[in-house]
Every structure is written in C-alpha cells, then in structure tokens.
Amino acid sequence: MPIEKRDYVGEWKNKEMYLLILQDGTVAYKRLKNGGTTSVNGPLKEFIGNNFVVGISFLTTTFEVSEPPAMVDGVLKMTVDGIQLTRTAE
C-alpha cells in the first residue's frame, strides 16, 4: 500500500456497500443494488489517481473514487462508485 494512500486502509460501510481494504492490499467488497448483490475479493493491483483497481491479470474491477478519504464531522468519509462510505472505528 503506497504511504500516500494509507487513508484508504480500513473498513468502510453504508447500508448499500461494504468495503474492506487491508494494509497488505487485500480488498473485500460487497454492494446491494437492484435486488442483487455484487461482490469482489482480491488484491489491490494499482491506484490510478484516486481510483483503485482490484483483481488479477485481465480480471479486474476499477473502483471510481470521486471523493478520497477526508474527515467530515470527525469521521473519515470516502465516496466510491457514487456511494458515500464511512470508515468504522479502528
């Protein structure tokens, strides 16, 4: 995990999405949408600006981060794929 992206590490949640990013680059993602569930588990491959790519070889998923991690009212928030997430207490 690049040191400048360490704020991405942690457990991020809201009612529609769960995202876990570990220090070693492991990512677990689950999203509820339109009555179905999408999940992605794998290694963090790279950062492209604020966005990050998860997967192996050609089987990858790019997560669009429109708002990188930032303190809002005393808690860390980040907007991924249009969903605002809050980092849980460590």
Protein backbone atom coordinates (compact mmCIF):
# COMPACT_ATOMS: atom_id res chain seq x y z
CA MET A 1 0.00 0.00 0.00
CA PRO A 2 1.56 3.32 -1.03
CA ILE A 3 2.11 5.56 2.02
CA GLU A 4 0.21 8.44 0.38
CA LYS A 5 -2.87 6.17 0.12
CA ARG A 6 -2.81 4.88 3.74
CA ASP A 7 -6.11 6.68 4.50
CA TYR A 8 -7.83 4.17 2.17
CA VAL A 9 -6.97 1.32 4.57
CA GLY A 10 -9.85 0.27 6.81
CA GLU A 11 -13.42 -0.94 6.92
CA TRP A 12 -15.84 1.32 5.03
CA LYS A 13 -19.63 0.96 5.19
CA ASN A 14 -23.07 2.27 4.47
CA LYS A 15 -26.40 0.48 4.06
CA GLU A 16 -25.72 -0.41 0.38
CA MET A 17 -21.99 -1.09 0.33
CA TYR A 18 -19.23 -2.71 2.37
CA LEU A 19 -15.56 -2.22 1.51
CA LEU A 20 -12.56 -3.58 3.41
CA ILE A 21 -9.06 -2.54 2.38
CA LEU A 22 -6.22 -4.12 4.35
CA GLN A 23 -2.69 -2.76 4.72
CA ASP A 24 -1.35 -5.70 2.65
CA GLY A 25 -3.58 -4.67 -0.29
CA THR A 26 -6.32 -7.28 0.18
CA VAL A 27 -9.75 -5.92 -0.80
CA ALA A 28 -13.22 -7.27 0.01
CA TYR A 29 -16.25 -5.50 -1.50
CA LYS A 30 -19.98 -6.17 -1.40
CA ARG A 31 -22.78 -4.00 -2.81
CA LEU A 32 -26.54 -4.38 -2.77
CA LYS A 33 -28.18 -2.93 -5.88
CA ASN A 34 -31.47 -3.52 -7.72
CA GLY A 35 -32.33 -6.54 -5.57
CA GLY A 36 -28.99 -8.26 -6.24
CA THR A 37 -25.57 -8.45 -4.70
CA THR A 38 -22.21 -7.79 -6.34
CA SER A 39 -19.01 -8.80 -4.61
CA VAL A 40 -15.32 -8.57 -5.45
CA ASN A 41 -12.44 -10.05 -3.46
CA GLY A 42 -8.83 -9.81 -4.49
CA PRO A 43 -5.58 -7.93 -4.35
CA LEU A 44 -5.33 -4.19 -4.91
CA LYS A 45 -3.46 -4.00 -8.20
CA GLU A 46 -2.86 -0.25 -8.57
CA PHE A 47 -4.07 3.27 -7.95
CA ILE A 48 -4.96 5.49 -10.91
CA GLY A 49 -5.27 8.93 -9.37
CA ASN A 50 -7.82 8.47 -6.57
CA ASN A 51 -9.34 5.37 -8.21
CA PHE A 52 -8.08 1.89 -7.46
CA VAL A 53 -8.02 -1.36 -9.43
CA VAL A 54 -8.65 -4.75 -7.79
CA GLY A 55 -8.01 -8.14 -9.37
CA ILE A 56 -5.55 -10.35 -11.15
CA SER A 57 -4.41 -10.20 -14.77
CA PHE A 58 -7.34 -9.24 -17.03
CA LEU A 59 -9.99 -10.00 -14.36
CA THR A 60 -10.04 -6.58 -12.72
CA THR A 61 -12.54 -4.08 -11.35
CA THR A 62 -11.88 -0.34 -11.17
CA PHE A 63 -13.44 1.50 -8.24
CA GLU A 64 -14.14 5.15 -9.02
CA VAL A 65 -13.36 7.39 -6.05
CA SER A 66 -14.99 10.77 -6.57
CA GLU A 67 -14.18 11.90 -3.01
CA PRO A 68 -11.00 10.44 -1.50
CA PRO A 69 -10.83 9.79 2.25
CA ALA A 70 -11.35 13.01 4.24
CA MET A 71 -12.52 13.98 7.71
CA VAL A 72 -16.16 15.11 7.79
CA ASP A 73 -17.70 15.94 11.17
CA GLY A 74 -15.00 13.98 12.96
CA VAL A 75 -15.21 10.77 10.90
CA LEU A 76 -13.43 9.64 7.75
CA LYS A 77 -15.65 9.53 4.66
CA MET A 78 -14.97 8.49 1.08
CA THR A 79 -17.23 8.34 -1.99
CA VAL A 80 -16.77 5.18 -4.10
CA ASP A 81 -18.84 4.49 -7.23
CA GLY A 82 -21.21 7.30 -6.20
CA ILE A 83 -21.81 5.94 -2.68
CA GLN A 84 -20.59 7.83 0.38
CA LEU A 85 -18.95 5.45 2.86
CA THR A 86 -17.90 6.00 6.46
CA ARG A 87 -14.83 4.31 7.90
CA THR A 88 -15.61 2.35 11.04
CA ALA A 89 -13.64 2.93 14.24
CA GLU A 90 -10.39 1.01 14.32
